[in-house]
Structures are given as C-alpha cells and as structure tokens.
C-alpha atoms as a PDB file:
ATOM      1  CA  UNK A   1     -10.647  -5.521   2.443  1.00  0.00           C
ATOM      2  CA  UNK A   2      -7.866  -2.976   2.173  1.00  0.00           C
ATOM      3  CA  UNK A   3      -5.091  -3.605  -0.327  1.00  0.00           C
ATOM      4  CA  UNK A   4      -1.774  -1.852   0.193  1.00  0.00           C
ATOM      5  CA  UNK A   5       0.758  -0.805  -2.400  1.00  0.00           C
ATOM      6  CA  UNK A   6       3.679   1.528  -2.828  1.00  0.00           C
ATOM      7  CA  UNK A   7       4.411   4.328  -5.234  1.00  0.00           C
ATOM      8  CA  UNK A   8       8.190   4.202  -5.642  1.00  0.00           C
ATOM      9  CA  UNK A   9       8.277   7.434  -7.646  1.00  0.00           C
ATOM     10  CA  UNK A  10       6.452   9.501  -5.024  1.00  0.00           C
ATOM     11  CA  UNK A  11       7.783   7.457  -2.041  1.00  0.00           C
ATOM     12  CA  UNK A  12       4.327   6.698  -0.624  1.00  0.00           C
ATOM     13  CA  UNK A  13       2.470   3.802   0.961  1.00  0.00           C
ATOM     14  CA  UNK A  14      -1.058   3.645  -0.468  1.00  0.00           C
ATOM     15  CA  UNK A  15      -4.233   1.876   0.650  1.00  0.00           C
ATOM     16  CA  UNK A  16      -6.971   0.946  -1.837  1.00  0.00           C
ATOM     17  CA  UNK A  17     -10.499  -0.389  -1.517  1.00  0.00           C
ATOM     18  CA  UNK A  18     -12.694  -1.951  -4.194  1.00  0.00           C
ATOM     19  CA  UNK A  19     -16.139  -0.353  -4.390  1.00  0.00           C
ATOM     20  CA  UNK A  20     -17.725  -2.517  -7.053  1.00  0.00           C
ATOM     21  CA  UNK A  21     -17.579   0.375  -9.505  1.00  0.00           C
ATOM     22  CA  UNK A  22     -13.857   1.081  -9.274  1.00  0.00           C
ATOM     23  CA  UNK A  23     -11.239   1.484  -6.595  1.00  0.00           C
ATOM     24  CA  UNK A  24     -10.692   4.236  -4.062  1.00  0.00           C
ATOM     25  CA  UNK A  25      -7.175   4.939  -2.822  1.00  0.00           C
ATOM     26  CA  UNK A  26      -5.484   7.206  -0.312  1.00  0.00           C
ATOM     27  CA  UNK A  27      -1.955   7.918   0.772  1.00  0.00           C
ATOM     28  CA  UNK A  28      -1.219   6.309   4.131  1.00  0.00           C
ATOM     29  CA  UNK A  29       2.352   7.454   4.675  1.00  0.00           C
ATOM     30  CA  UNK A  30       5.276   9.081   2.952  1.00  0.00           C
ATOM     31  CA  UNK A  31       8.464   7.036   3.128  1.00  0.00           C
ATOM     32  CA  UNK A  32      12.016   8.359   2.966  1.00  0.00           C
ATOM     33  CA  UNK A  33      13.581   8.601  -0.483  1.00  0.00           C
ATOM     34  CA  UNK A  34      16.082   5.826  -0.957  1.00  0.00           C
ATOM     35  CA  UNK A  35      14.104   3.303   1.104  1.00  0.00           C
ATOM     36  CA  UNK A  36      14.575  -0.196  -0.294  1.00  0.00           C
ATOM     37  CA  UNK A  37      11.717  -0.838  -2.735  1.00  0.00           C
ATOM     38  CA  UNK A  38      11.740  -4.584  -2.054  1.00  0.00           C
ATOM     39  CA  UNK A  39      11.312  -3.939   1.681  1.00  0.00           C
ATOM     40  CA  UNK A  40       8.402  -1.597   0.999  1.00  0.00           C
ATOM     41  CA  UNK A  41       6.768  -4.213  -1.213  1.00  0.00           C
ATOM     42  CA  UNK A  42       7.105  -6.783   1.566  1.00  0.00           C
ATOM     43  CA  UNK A  43       5.498  -4.305   3.974  1.00  0.00           C
ATOM     44  CA  UNK A  44       2.607  -3.714   1.570  1.00  0.00           C
ATOM     45  CA  UNK A  45       2.118  -7.457   1.135  1.00  0.00           C
ATOM     46  CA  UNK A  46       2.169  -8.048   4.908  1.00  0.00           C
ATOM     47  CA  UNK A  47      -0.356  -5.269   5.530  1.00  0.00           C
ATOM     48  CA  UNK A  48      -2.632  -6.661   2.816  1.00  0.00           C
ATOM     49  CA  UNK A  49      -2.442 -10.137   4.377  1.00  0.00           C
ATOM     50  CA  UNK A  50      -3.210  -8.664   7.812  1.00  0.00           C
ATOM     51  CA  UNK A  51      -6.228  -6.841   6.384  1.00  0.00           C
ATOM     52  CA  UNK A  52      -7.426 -10.030   4.719  1.00  0.00           C
ATOM     53  CA  UNK A  53      -7.074 -12.004   7.962  1.00  0.00           C
ATOM     54  CA  UNK A  54      -8.965  -9.375   9.948  1.00  0.00           C
END
C-alpha cells in the first residue's frame, strides 16, 4: 500500500512504500509555495485512504 505525505519545507507531495526492511519514497509532485499545509495534509490522507481501499 502506498502512503502519502507532504514535505512542507520543500513543498512536495511524497509517496512511500514499506519493503519489510525499510521504506522507499519518491517525490510525486511539487506544490506551490504558500499552499495551505492543512489542505495538503488532507490531500495526503485522502490519497492514502484511496490506496488502502484499492
């Protein structure tokens, strides 16, 4: 399952996968500076839930 998170310092949406020996992560998208952090966190949560449901 893919878990999504944000990096508010670098303004990025990140996807991560557990491998059993650690996690792998990659940048999915850059977001505009000044984007509401709470909105980005809600997006990450919604994407994680969608991944879990799939």
